[in-house]
Every structure is written in C-alpha cells, then in structure tokens.
Amino acid sequence: MPNNIEGRGLTDREMVQLCLELEKGRCRGISNTMIETSHKELRDIYESMLENANNNQYELYEMLEEKGWYKTELASADQIKQVQGYMQNNLHPDNQF
C-alpha cells in the first residue's frame, strides 16, 4: 500500500486505525442515545446497533494488535489495586449502596 507521506493515499495501518476510531465514536454515540431513550422497542434497536458496533471495533482492534500496530501494556498488580481503590472510594463514597 502506498505511503501517505508521498501523497499517494493512506497505508493499510492508517485505514484500519481510522475505521477503529470511527467505530469507537459510533459506540459512544449509540450509547449516549440509548441513555436518553425511554421507548422500549427503540431502545432494543439501539442495543442491537451498539452490540454490532462493539463487535466491529473489537475486530478492528484485534486486527491492529495482531499486526503489531496497536500496542497495549499489561497493568501491574499495583496499578490494578490502585484503580480498584479509586473506584471503591469514588463510586459510592456515602456507602448507601
């Protein structure tokens, strides 16, 4: 695939990354719409759309990760404990739930 720097188009990596970003945005948009939807049948349609978009974005992520184009770090045990503590202290600080 031609290199974008040479002005001949996007690379495969750039195209897949753009598709991933579009799917992430689609997931956010559908999710935000679902939050505001009270009509049961319409909400079911949005839920199906969200599942589809989530599946698409995960497939794109897997493709990028498989090719080494999307690197992620594994969290350490300390980082996980830190996030768990933060969530426990900030989700229900008044312990009402």
Protein backbone atom coordinates (compact mmCIF):
# COMPACT_ATOMS: atom_id res chain seq x y z
CA MET A 1 0.00 0.00 0.00
CA PRO A 2 1.35 3.47 -0.82
CA ASN A 3 2.63 5.71 1.95
CA ASN A 4 0.53 8.77 2.76
CA ILE A 5 3.67 10.90 3.15
CA GLU A 6 4.32 10.54 -0.56
CA GLY A 7 0.83 11.84 -1.30
CA ARG A 8 -0.47 8.60 -2.82
CA GLY A 9 -3.05 7.59 -0.22
CA LEU A 10 -3.37 6.01 3.19
CA THR A 11 -1.46 2.97 4.36
CA ASP A 12 -3.34 -0.16 5.43
CA ARG A 13 -2.49 0.67 9.04
CA GLU A 14 -3.86 4.21 8.75
CA MET A 15 -7.08 2.99 7.14
CA VAL A 16 -7.71 0.39 9.85
CA GLN A 17 -6.86 2.90 12.59
CA LEU A 18 -9.34 5.37 11.11
CA CYS A 19 -12.01 2.68 10.92
CA LEU A 20 -11.34 1.81 14.57
CA GLU A 21 -11.74 5.44 15.62
CA LEU A 22 -14.97 5.71 13.64
CA GLU A 23 -16.37 2.58 15.33
CA LYS A 24 -15.35 3.88 18.76
CA GLY A 25 -17.22 7.11 18.01
CA ARG A 26 -20.21 5.12 16.79
CA CYS A 27 -20.22 3.16 20.07
CA ARG A 28 -20.13 6.38 22.09
CA GLY A 29 -22.88 7.98 20.02
CA ILE A 30 -25.21 4.98 20.20
CA SER A 31 -24.56 4.58 23.92
CA ASN A 32 -25.34 8.24 24.58
CA THR A 33 -28.54 7.96 22.55
CA MET A 34 -29.59 4.81 24.41
CA ILE A 35 -29.20 6.59 27.74
CA GLU A 36 -31.78 9.14 26.65
CA THR A 37 -34.21 6.69 25.05
CA SER A 38 -37.22 5.55 27.05
CA HIS A 39 -39.17 3.82 24.25
CA LYS A 40 -38.56 0.07 24.77
CA GLU A 41 -38.61 -1.03 21.12
CA LEU A 42 -36.38 1.84 20.02
CA ARG A 43 -34.02 1.13 22.89
CA ASP A 44 -33.83 -2.52 21.75
CA ILE A 45 -32.86 -1.35 18.25
CA TYR A 46 -30.11 0.87 19.68
CA GLU A 47 -28.92 -2.00 21.87
CA SER A 48 -28.57 -4.23 18.81
CA MET A 49 -26.73 -1.46 16.96
CA LEU A 50 -24.39 -0.98 19.92
CA GLU A 51 -23.59 -4.69 20.08
CA ASN A 52 -22.79 -4.65 16.36
CA ALA A 53 -20.57 -1.56 16.71
CA ASN A 54 -18.80 -3.05 19.74
CA ASN A 55 -18.10 -6.25 17.81
CA ASN A 56 -16.81 -4.28 14.82
CA GLN A 57 -14.48 -2.15 16.93
CA TYR A 58 -13.11 -5.21 18.71
CA GLU A 59 -12.42 -6.98 15.42
CA LEU A 60 -10.58 -3.90 14.17
CA TYR A 61 -8.60 -3.70 17.41
CA GLU A 62 -7.67 -7.40 17.12
CA MET A 63 -6.52 -6.86 13.54
CA LEU A 64 -4.29 -3.95 14.56
CA GLU A 65 -2.95 -5.80 17.58
CA GLU A 66 -2.23 -8.94 15.57
CA LYS A 67 -0.15 -6.96 13.09
CA GLY A 68 1.71 -5.18 15.90
CA TRP A 69 0.15 -1.83 15.03
CA TYR A 70 -1.71 -1.37 18.34
CA LYS A 71 0.43 -1.94 21.41
CA THR A 72 -1.03 -2.17 24.90
CA GLU A 73 0.68 -2.59 28.24
CA LEU A 74 -0.48 -5.08 30.82
CA ALA A 75 -1.34 -3.41 34.12
CA SER A 76 0.72 -4.37 37.13
CA ALA A 77 -0.95 -5.77 40.26
CA ASP A 78 -0.25 -2.42 41.99
CA GLN A 79 -1.92 -0.46 39.18
CA ILE A 80 -4.97 -2.72 39.36
CA LYS A 81 -5.21 -2.29 43.14
CA GLN A 82 -4.89 1.48 42.74
CA VAL A 83 -7.78 1.62 40.27
CA GLN A 84 -9.89 -0.73 42.40
CA GLY A 85 -9.34 1.51 45.43
CA TYR A 86 -10.19 4.60 43.43
CA MET A 87 -13.38 3.03 42.10
CA GLN A 88 -14.48 1.78 45.53
CA ASN A 89 -13.87 5.17 47.12
CA ASN A 90 -15.43 7.26 44.38
CA LEU A 91 -18.37 5.28 43.04
CA HIS A 92 -20.22 5.06 46.34
CA PRO A 93 -18.47 7.35 48.82
CA ASP A 94 -21.54 7.51 51.05
CA ASN A 95 -21.88 3.68 51.22
CA GLN A 96 -25.62 3.86 50.53
CA PHE A 97 -25.48 1.02 48.02
